[in-house]
N, C-alpha and C. Protein backbone atom coordinates (compact mmCIF):
# COMPACT_ATOMS: atom_id res chain seq x y z
N UNK A 1 30.09 24.99 -49.34
CA UNK A 1 29.08 23.70 -48.85
C UNK A 1 28.68 23.54 -47.63
N UNK A 2 27.86 23.24 -47.56
CA UNK A 2 27.11 23.08 -46.25
C UNK A 2 27.78 22.05 -45.38
N UNK A 3 28.30 22.41 -43.85
CA UNK A 3 28.71 21.22 -42.75
C UNK A 3 27.89 19.97 -42.67
N UNK A 4 26.41 20.34 -42.65
CA UNK A 4 25.58 19.19 -42.22
C UNK A 4 24.93 19.27 -43.14
N UNK A 5 23.96 18.00 -43.79
CA UNK A 5 23.40 17.86 -44.78
C UNK A 5 22.18 16.66 -44.66
N UNK A 6 21.26 17.66 -44.91
CA UNK A 6 20.13 17.17 -44.59
C UNK A 6 20.26 15.23 -45.35
N UNK A 7 19.17 14.44 -44.37
CA UNK A 7 18.63 13.11 -45.14
C UNK A 7 17.37 13.18 -44.98
N UNK A 8 16.89 11.93 -45.82
CA UNK A 8 15.48 11.62 -45.58
C UNK A 8 14.92 10.79 -44.31
N UNK A 9 15.99 10.52 -43.20
CA UNK A 9 15.59 9.61 -42.01
C UNK A 9 15.05 10.60 -41.05
N UNK A 10 14.50 9.87 -40.59
CA UNK A 10 13.31 10.30 -39.58
C UNK A 10 12.82 9.35 -38.37
N UNK A 11 12.85 9.74 -37.25
CA UNK A 11 13.06 8.58 -36.30
C UNK A 11 11.58 9.30 -35.22
N UNK A 12 11.06 8.43 -34.49
CA UNK A 12 10.14 8.56 -33.37
C UNK A 12 10.57 8.29 -32.27
N UNK A 13 10.59 9.29 -31.41
CA UNK A 13 10.70 8.82 -29.97
C UNK A 13 9.52 8.11 -29.53
N UNK A 14 10.20 6.91 -29.01
CA UNK A 14 8.95 5.89 -28.71
C UNK A 14 9.10 5.28 -27.08
N UNK A 15 10.06 6.12 -26.10
CA UNK A 15 10.41 5.68 -24.61
C UNK A 15 11.29 6.91 -24.50
N UNK A 16 10.94 7.49 -23.15
CA UNK A 16 12.21 8.51 -22.19
C UNK A 16 11.86 8.13 -21.10
N UNK A 17 12.93 8.69 -20.42
CA UNK A 17 13.46 8.33 -18.95
C UNK A 17 14.75 8.98 -18.53
N UNK A 18 14.94 8.46 -17.62
CA UNK A 18 16.29 9.05 -16.40
C UNK A 18 16.13 8.06 -15.50
N UNK A 19 17.85 7.82 -15.37
CA UNK A 19 18.30 7.21 -14.01
C UNK A 19 18.56 8.02 -12.76
N UNK A 20 17.31 8.39 -11.92
CA UNK A 20 17.73 9.50 -10.92
C UNK A 20 18.37 9.16 -10.05
N UNK A 21 19.45 7.77 -9.43
CA UNK A 21 20.11 7.95 -8.58
C UNK A 21 21.16 6.83 -8.65
N UNK A 22 22.24 6.97 -9.23
CA UNK A 22 23.51 5.63 -9.85
C UNK A 22 23.53 4.81 -8.63
N UNK A 23 23.75 5.06 -7.13
CA UNK A 23 23.66 4.24 -6.00
C UNK A 23 22.78 3.70 -5.39
N UNK A 24 21.53 3.59 -6.20
CA UNK A 24 20.68 2.72 -5.98
C UNK A 24 20.59 1.89 -7.08
N UNK A 25 21.10 2.22 -8.27
CA UNK A 25 21.35 1.05 -9.41
C UNK A 25 20.87 2.13 -10.62
N UNK A 26 20.88 1.57 -12.11
CA UNK A 26 21.04 1.93 -13.24
C UNK A 26 20.01 1.63 -13.90
N UNK A 27 18.84 1.32 -13.52
CA UNK A 27 17.24 1.12 -13.78
C UNK A 27 17.17 2.76 -13.93
N UNK A 28 16.53 2.63 -15.35
CA UNK A 28 15.92 4.28 -15.45
C UNK A 28 13.84 4.24 -15.35
N UNK A 29 13.63 5.42 -14.95
CA UNK A 29 12.48 5.52 -14.60
C UNK A 29 11.91 6.06 -15.86
N UNK A 30 10.23 5.67 -16.39
CA UNK A 30 9.87 6.30 -17.54
C UNK A 30 9.07 7.17 -16.93
N UNK A 31 9.45 8.80 -17.95
CA UNK A 31 8.78 10.01 -18.48
C UNK A 31 7.88 10.32 -19.31
N UNK A 32 7.12 11.26 -19.18
CA UNK A 32 6.07 11.70 -20.27
C UNK A 32 7.08 12.55 -21.40
N UNK A 33 8.19 13.61 -20.57
CA UNK A 33 9.07 14.32 -21.22
C UNK A 33 9.92 14.79 -20.66
N UNK A 34 11.44 14.87 -21.17
CA UNK A 34 12.26 15.33 -20.57
C UNK A 34 12.42 16.79 -20.70
N UNK A 35 13.09 17.71 -19.70
CA UNK A 35 13.84 18.74 -20.06
C UNK A 35 15.06 19.17 -19.54
N UNK A 36 15.52 19.61 -21.17
CA UNK A 36 17.41 19.26 -21.21
C UNK A 36 17.64 20.36 -21.32
N UNK A 37 19.01 20.56 -20.97
CA UNK A 37 19.61 21.34 -20.56
C UNK A 37 21.02 21.47 -21.26
N UNK A 38 21.79 22.06 -21.07
CA UNK A 38 23.34 21.61 -21.55
C UNK A 38 24.31 20.61 -20.41
N UNK A 39 23.51 20.55 -19.41
CA UNK A 39 23.91 19.97 -18.43
C UNK A 39 23.27 18.08 -18.80
N UNK A 40 22.41 17.96 -19.38
CA UNK A 40 21.51 17.08 -19.21
C UNK A 40 19.80 17.05 -19.15
N UNK A 41 19.44 15.94 -19.07
CA UNK A 41 17.90 16.01 -18.53
C UNK A 41 17.68 16.44 -17.06
N UNK A 42 17.11 17.04 -16.50
CA UNK A 42 16.57 17.15 -15.20
C UNK A 42 16.35 15.71 -14.42
N UNK A 43 17.04 15.50 -12.88
CA UNK A 43 16.94 14.64 -12.59
C UNK A 43 17.89 13.15 -13.00
N UNK A 44 18.67 13.59 -13.90
CA UNK A 44 19.28 12.42 -14.01
C UNK A 44 20.65 11.93 -13.78
N UNK A 45 20.66 11.31 -13.11
CA UNK A 45 22.16 10.98 -12.56
C UNK A 45 23.07 11.30 -13.12
N UNK A 46 23.38 11.15 -14.51
CA UNK A 46 24.92 11.67 -15.48
C UNK A 46 24.71 12.64 -15.83
N UNK A 47 23.50 13.31 -15.55
CA UNK A 47 23.87 15.15 -15.92
C UNK A 47 24.80 15.58 -14.89
N UNK A 48 25.24 16.90 -15.70
CA UNK A 48 26.02 17.48 -15.65
C UNK A 48 27.19 18.10 -16.31
N UNK A 49 27.72 19.73 -16.38
CA UNK A 49 28.49 19.66 -17.51
C UNK A 49 29.84 19.19 -17.74
N UNK A 50 30.57 18.52 -16.23
CA UNK A 50 31.64 18.17 -16.12
C UNK A 50 31.32 16.52 -15.33
N UNK A 51 32.28 16.23 -14.96
CA UNK A 51 32.69 14.79 -14.35
C UNK A 51 33.89 13.93 -14.14
N UNK A 52 33.53 13.30 -13.12
CA UNK A 52 35.16 12.62 -12.58
C UNK A 52 35.35 11.60 -13.41
N UNK A 53 36.76 11.32 -14.34
CA UNK A 53 36.83 10.33 -15.07
C UNK A 53 36.45 9.48 -14.60
N UNK A 54 36.80 7.95 -15.19
CA UNK A 54 36.25 6.87 -14.49
C UNK A 54 37.16 5.67 -15.27
N UNK A 55 36.74 3.95 -15.39
CA UNK A 55 37.66 3.21 -16.07
C UNK A 55 38.06 3.73 -17.52
N UNK A 56 36.77 3.93 -17.57
CA UNK A 56 36.54 4.48 -19.53
C UNK A 56 37.49 5.11 -20.56
N UNK A 57 38.18 6.17 -19.61
CA UNK A 57 39.24 7.03 -20.36
C UNK A 57 40.17 7.20 -19.37
N UNK A 58 40.99 6.18 -18.54
CA UNK A 58 42.00 6.29 -17.87
C UNK A 58 43.35 6.10 -18.39
N UNK A 59 43.17 5.89 -19.94
CA UNK A 59 44.35 6.03 -20.59
C UNK A 59 44.81 7.41 -21.63
N UNK A 60 43.51 8.10 -21.00
CA UNK A 60 43.57 9.61 -21.22
C UNK A 60 43.70 10.72 -20.11
N UNK A 61 43.19 10.30 -18.77
CA UNK A 61 43.08 10.84 -17.60
C UNK A 61 43.23 10.03 -16.83
N UNK A 62 43.85 10.22 -15.65
CA UNK A 62 43.76 9.92 -14.13
C UNK A 62 42.34 9.73 -13.39
N UNK A 63 42.10 8.33 -13.21
CA UNK A 63 40.68 8.33 -12.78
C UNK A 63 40.63 9.69 -11.70
N UNK A 64 39.36 9.92 -11.95
CA UNK A 64 38.76 11.06 -11.00
C UNK A 64 39.38 12.25 -11.22
N UNK A 65 39.99 12.36 -12.65
CA UNK A 65 40.44 14.06 -12.91
C UNK A 65 38.82 14.54 -13.89
N UNK A 66 38.74 15.91 -13.34
CA UNK A 66 37.36 16.23 -14.24
C UNK A 66 37.53 16.87 -15.18
N UNK A 67 36.30 16.19 -16.02
CA UNK A 67 36.64 16.24 -17.53
C UNK A 67 35.36 16.55 -17.75
N UNK A 68 35.14 17.23 -19.41
CA UNK A 68 33.90 17.64 -19.98
C UNK A 68 32.99 16.03 -19.77
N UNK A 69 31.63 16.16 -19.74
CA UNK A 69 30.61 15.22 -19.64
C UNK A 69 29.74 15.17 -20.89
N UNK A 70 30.25 14.14 -21.68
CA UNK A 70 29.54 13.67 -22.92
C UNK A 70 28.72 12.68 -22.52
N UNK A 71 28.41 12.18 -21.23
CA UNK A 71 27.29 11.18 -21.27
C UNK A 71 26.00 11.66 -20.49
N UNK A 72 25.29 12.68 -21.28
CA UNK A 72 24.03 13.14 -20.68
C UNK A 72 23.28 12.51 -21.16
N UNK A 73 23.43 11.70 -22.42
CA UNK A 73 21.59 11.31 -22.88
C UNK A 73 21.80 9.72 -23.37
N UNK A 74 21.45 8.69 -22.73
CA UNK A 74 21.74 7.34 -23.63
C UNK A 74 20.51 7.11 -24.78
N UNK A 75 21.25 7.16 -26.02
CA UNK A 75 19.64 7.07 -27.05
C UNK A 75 19.89 6.13 -27.31
N UNK A 76 19.00 4.94 -27.50
CA UNK A 76 18.87 3.87 -28.23
C UNK A 76 17.84 3.58 -29.04
N UNK A 77 18.02 2.39 -30.02
CA UNK A 77 17.23 2.25 -31.25
C UNK A 77 16.05 1.05 -30.61
N UNK A 78 14.95 1.48 -30.90
CA UNK A 78 13.90 0.38 -30.61
C UNK A 78 14.19 -0.99 -31.26
N UNK A 79 14.45 -0.98 -32.65
CA UNK A 79 14.71 -1.99 -33.51
C UNK A 79 16.09 -2.88 -33.05
N UNK A 80 16.78 -1.89 -32.55
CA UNK A 80 18.17 -2.58 -31.96
C UNK A 80 18.08 -2.99 -30.66
N UNK A 81 16.64 -2.92 -29.83
CA UNK A 81 16.53 -3.47 -28.50
C UNK A 81 16.28 -4.88 -28.61
N UNK A 82 15.35 -4.65 -30.19
CA UNK A 82 14.18 -5.86 -30.34
C UNK A 82 15.04 -6.88 -31.01
N UNK A 83 16.23 -6.85 -31.86
CA UNK A 83 17.29 -7.20 -31.99
C UNK A 83 17.79 -8.14 -30.46
N UNK A 84 18.21 -7.64 -29.87
CA UNK A 84 18.73 -8.14 -28.47
C UNK A 84 18.05 -9.02 -27.97
N UNK A 85 16.72 -8.45 -27.26
CA UNK A 85 15.35 -9.34 -26.83
C UNK A 85 15.37 -10.69 -27.46
N UNK A 86 15.51 -11.06 -29.31
CA UNK A 86 15.37 -11.84 -29.84
C UNK A 86 16.62 -12.66 -29.78
N UNK A 87 17.58 -12.07 -29.43
CA UNK A 87 19.26 -12.50 -29.54
C UNK A 87 18.96 -13.42 -27.99
N UNK A 88 18.78 -12.72 -27.09
CA UNK A 88 18.76 -13.10 -25.53
C UNK A 88 17.46 -14.22 -25.39
N UNK A 89 16.49 -14.42 -26.27
CA UNK A 89 15.50 -15.36 -26.24
C UNK A 89 14.19 -15.20 -25.24
N UNK A 90 14.13 -13.35 -25.31
CA UNK A 90 13.03 -12.81 -24.52
C UNK A 90 12.07 -12.45 -25.58
N UNK A 91 10.75 -12.06 -24.73
CA UNK A 91 10.14 -11.09 -25.79
C UNK A 91 10.34 -9.48 -26.19
N UNK A 92 10.57 -9.35 -25.12
CA UNK A 92 11.20 -7.47 -25.51
C UNK A 92 12.22 -7.83 -23.92
N UNK A 93 13.35 -6.01 -24.20
CA UNK A 93 13.94 -5.88 -23.70
C UNK A 93 13.61 -4.32 -23.40
N UNK A 94 13.14 -4.36 -21.67
CA UNK A 94 12.68 -2.96 -21.72
C UNK A 94 13.73 -2.22 -21.30
N UNK A 95 13.84 -0.61 -21.67
CA UNK A 95 14.44 0.41 -22.07
C UNK A 95 15.25 0.72 -20.63
N UNK A 96 14.31 0.05 -19.66
CA UNK A 96 14.24 0.96 -18.27
C UNK A 96 15.76 0.09 -17.99
N UNK A 97 15.65 -1.23 -17.90
CA UNK A 97 16.52 -2.32 -17.33
C UNK A 97 17.79 -1.94 -17.92
N UNK A 98 18.18 -0.99 -19.30
CA UNK A 98 19.39 -0.65 -20.15
C UNK A 98 19.84 0.80 -19.99
N UNK A 99 19.20 1.40 -18.93
CA UNK A 99 19.36 2.90 -18.37
C UNK A 99 18.99 3.80 -19.38
N UNK A 100 18.40 3.53 -20.33
CA UNK A 100 17.93 4.43 -21.65
C UNK A 100 17.75 6.02 -21.30
N UNK A 101 17.83 6.43 -21.69
CA UNK A 101 16.68 8.46 -21.67
C UNK A 101 16.11 8.30 -22.46
N UNK A 102 16.58 8.06 -24.02
CA UNK A 102 15.50 8.19 -25.29
C UNK A 102 15.61 6.61 -26.18
N UNK A 103 14.48 6.38 -26.43
CA UNK A 103 14.10 5.66 -27.31
C UNK A 103 13.56 5.52 -28.80
N UNK A 104 14.62 5.33 -29.71
CA UNK A 104 14.07 6.04 -31.13
C UNK A 104 13.34 5.09 -31.90
N UNK A 105 12.79 4.76 -32.76
CA UNK A 105 12.17 3.94 -34.17
C UNK A 105 12.36 4.87 -35.45
N UNK A 106 13.23 3.90 -35.88
CA UNK A 106 13.00 4.35 -37.60
C UNK A 106 14.00 4.76 -37.98
N UNK A 107 15.09 4.77 -37.44
CA UNK A 107 16.63 4.63 -38.03
C UNK A 107 17.16 3.79 -38.10
N UNK A 108 17.27 3.18 -39.26
CA UNK A 108 18.17 1.84 -39.68
C UNK A 108 19.84 1.96 -38.88
N UNK A 109 20.34 0.77 -38.61
CA UNK A 109 21.27 0.31 -37.87
C UNK A 109 21.78 2.11 -37.24
N UNK A 110 21.04 2.31 -36.42
CA UNK A 110 21.28 3.66 -35.32
C UNK A 110 22.72 3.76 -34.61
N UNK A 111 22.79 2.53 -34.40
CA UNK A 111 24.00 1.97 -33.75
C UNK A 111 25.38 2.40 -34.25
N UNK A 112 25.17 2.43 -35.94
CA UNK A 112 26.40 2.49 -36.78
C UNK A 112 26.57 3.75 -37.04
N UNK A 113 25.37 4.88 -36.58
CA UNK A 113 26.04 6.42 -37.05
C UNK A 113 27.30 6.52 -35.59
N UNK A 114 27.93 7.13 -36.96
CA UNK A 114 29.59 7.25 -36.40
C UNK A 114 29.56 8.26 -35.25
N UNK A 115 30.43 8.34 -34.23
CA UNK A 115 30.59 9.28 -33.11
C UNK A 115 31.27 10.54 -33.58
N UNK A 116 30.77 11.99 -33.36
CA UNK A 116 31.60 13.13 -33.89
C UNK A 116 32.86 13.26 -34.46
N UNK A 117 32.73 12.64 -36.18
CA UNK A 117 33.94 12.78 -36.84
C UNK A 117 33.67 13.63 -37.74
N UNK A 118 34.08 14.73 -37.80
CA UNK A 118 33.89 16.23 -38.65
C UNK A 118 32.32 16.22 -38.34
N UNK A 119 31.33 16.68 -39.16
CA UNK A 119 29.71 16.51 -39.07
C UNK A 119 29.45 15.40 -38.83
N UNK A 120 29.69 14.09 -39.05
CA UNK A 120 28.65 12.97 -39.19
C UNK A 120 28.11 13.07 -37.54
N UNK A 121 27.75 12.38 -37.23
CA UNK A 121 27.26 11.61 -35.75
C UNK A 121 26.29 12.76 -35.34
N UNK A 122 25.32 13.85 -35.81
CA UNK A 122 24.23 14.59 -35.21
C UNK A 122 23.14 14.61 -35.61
N UNK A 123 22.43 14.67 -34.94
CA UNK A 123 20.57 14.33 -35.22
C UNK A 123 19.79 15.90 -35.13
N UNK A 124 19.24 15.81 -35.71
CA UNK A 124 18.62 17.59 -35.92
C UNK A 124 17.01 17.35 -35.24
N UNK A 125 16.54 17.26 -34.46
CA UNK A 125 15.54 17.40 -34.12
C UNK A 125 14.63 18.62 -34.38
N UNK A 126 13.12 18.87 -34.57
CA UNK A 126 12.45 19.45 -35.01
C UNK A 126 12.33 21.02 -34.10
N UNK A 127 12.74 20.49 -32.85
CA UNK A 127 13.09 21.74 -31.93
C UNK A 127 13.96 22.45 -31.98
N UNK A 128 15.09 22.57 -32.79
CA UNK A 128 16.20 23.02 -33.61
C UNK A 128 17.23 22.87 -32.63
N UNK A 129 17.23 21.54 -31.96
CA UNK A 129 18.51 21.76 -31.07
C UNK A 129 19.47 20.64 -31.95
N UNK A 130 20.54 20.41 -31.47
CA UNK A 130 20.98 19.45 -32.21
C UNK A 130 22.13 18.22 -31.42
N UNK A 131 21.48 17.12 -31.48
CA UNK A 131 22.26 15.98 -30.55
C UNK A 131 23.50 15.45 -31.47
N UNK A 132 24.70 15.53 -30.71
CA UNK A 132 25.84 15.11 -31.42
C UNK A 132 25.99 14.13 -30.32
N UNK A 133 26.35 13.08 -31.29
CA UNK A 133 27.08 11.53 -30.97
C UNK A 133 28.16 11.51 -30.25
N UNK A 134 28.36 11.76 -29.17
CA UNK A 134 30.05 11.94 -28.63
C UNK A 134 30.86 10.62 -28.58
N UNK A 135 30.02 9.45 -28.37
CA UNK A 135 30.73 8.45 -27.65
C UNK A 135 29.94 6.88 -28.20
N UNK A 136 30.01 6.21 -29.01
CA UNK A 136 29.42 4.69 -29.56
C UNK A 136 29.44 3.69 -27.93
N UNK A 137 28.62 3.70 -27.56
CA UNK A 137 29.06 2.17 -26.69
C UNK A 137 28.61 1.03 -27.96
N UNK A 138 29.01 -0.20 -27.15
CA UNK A 138 29.01 -1.27 -28.12
C UNK A 138 27.20 -1.67 -28.31
N UNK A 139 27.46 -2.20 -29.58
CA UNK A 139 25.83 -2.11 -29.99
C UNK A 139 25.16 -4.07 -29.72
N UNK A 140 24.28 -4.09 -30.25
CA UNK A 140 23.92 -5.38 -30.31
C UNK A 140 25.17 -6.49 -30.52
N UNK A 141 24.54 -7.56 -29.86
CA UNK A 141 25.50 -8.95 -30.24
C UNK A 141 26.29 -9.22 -31.69
N UNK A 142 27.22 -9.69 -31.67
CA UNK A 142 28.10 -9.46 -32.97
C UNK A 142 27.86 -8.64 -33.80
N UNK A 143 27.75 -7.18 -33.40
CA UNK A 143 28.03 -6.14 -34.80
C UNK A 143 29.28 -5.97 -34.65
N UNK A 144 30.08 -5.92 -33.65
CA UNK A 144 31.44 -5.29 -33.40
C UNK A 144 32.30 -6.32 -32.43
N UNK A 145 33.56 -6.21 -33.41
CA UNK A 145 34.76 -7.52 -32.75
C UNK A 145 34.13 -6.69 -31.39
N UNK A 146 34.92 -5.44 -31.10
CA UNK A 146 35.36 -5.48 -30.02
C UNK A 146 34.57 -5.41 -28.67
N UNK A 147 33.10 -5.85 -29.25
CA UNK A 147 31.96 -6.21 -27.82
C UNK A 147 31.75 -7.32 -27.77
N UNK A 148 32.88 -7.85 -27.51
CA UNK A 148 32.42 -9.34 -27.14
C UNK A 148 32.21 -9.41 -25.70
N UNK A 149 31.73 -8.61 -24.79
CA UNK A 149 31.21 -9.09 -24.04
C UNK A 149 29.97 -8.75 -23.67
N UNK A 150 29.32 -7.87 -24.79
CA UNK A 150 27.71 -8.25 -25.55
C UNK A 150 27.39 -9.63 -25.44
N UNK A 151 27.78 -10.35 -26.27
CA UNK A 151 27.75 -11.44 -26.63
C UNK A 151 27.75 -12.65 -25.64
N UNK A 152 28.87 -12.84 -24.50
CA UNK A 152 28.94 -13.40 -23.74
C UNK A 152 27.40 -13.23 -22.60
N UNK A 153 27.46 -12.22 -22.28
CA UNK A 153 26.43 -11.87 -21.51
C UNK A 153 25.05 -12.69 -21.92
N UNK A 154 24.61 -12.19 -23.52
CA UNK A 154 23.64 -13.05 -23.67
C UNK A 154 24.10 -14.42 -23.86
N UNK A 155 25.34 -14.83 -24.09
CA UNK A 155 25.04 -16.27 -23.65
C UNK A 155 24.64 -16.85 -22.52
N UNK A 156 25.26 -16.02 -21.30
CA UNK A 156 25.22 -16.72 -19.88
C UNK A 156 23.69 -16.13 -19.59
N UNK A 157 22.80 -14.84 -20.21
CA UNK A 157 21.53 -15.02 -19.81
C UNK A 157 20.68 -16.09 -20.27
N UNK A 158 21.17 -16.94 -21.80
CA UNK A 158 20.38 -17.63 -22.15
C UNK A 158 21.01 -19.15 -21.04
N UNK A 159 21.82 -19.36 -20.61
CA UNK A 159 22.18 -20.70 -19.72
C UNK A 159 21.27 -20.51 -18.30
N UNK A 160 21.20 -19.36 -17.81
CA UNK A 160 20.56 -18.53 -16.92
C UNK A 160 18.87 -19.40 -16.85
N UNK A 161 18.57 -18.66 -18.32
CA UNK A 161 17.13 -18.72 -18.49
C UNK A 161 16.68 -19.98 -18.80
N UNK A 162 17.75 -21.02 -18.89
CA UNK A 162 16.94 -22.48 -19.40
C UNK A 162 17.25 -23.36 -18.50
N UNK A 163 18.12 -22.65 -17.22
CA UNK A 163 18.06 -23.50 -16.44
C UNK A 163 16.95 -23.63 -15.42
């Protein structure tokens, strides 16, 4: 039995970008193309084969421990960005403002693709590369109970926008 079973799902890349300098902020800059290597996209501040551990993994590693870098790309769903924009009461949510590397359109419930369990959580683009989902971030508001921070941020934005 093959480990990777093809599906009928297809997606279209609608946006590409990199965050060039974390110290200056996490806003991405749009790109016409990305040159990807094992360390991630060229010119991306999150690129690298390893990285120092941060607050997200302190239960596994002391802060600053050199660990494998699994955050080379931030892949997002156009449909889910639209849903967040609607929840925030704004017309669109520009992928630059959320530090996106790649925005895909056409995959339903993209956020809910499970990360690296057995062979799930993999995407195989026509280039014959394989994109593995290493860790899921919080999905749009109200999708998962553990992501209450997203919901609070949306409510806070509404209050600010209404003022």
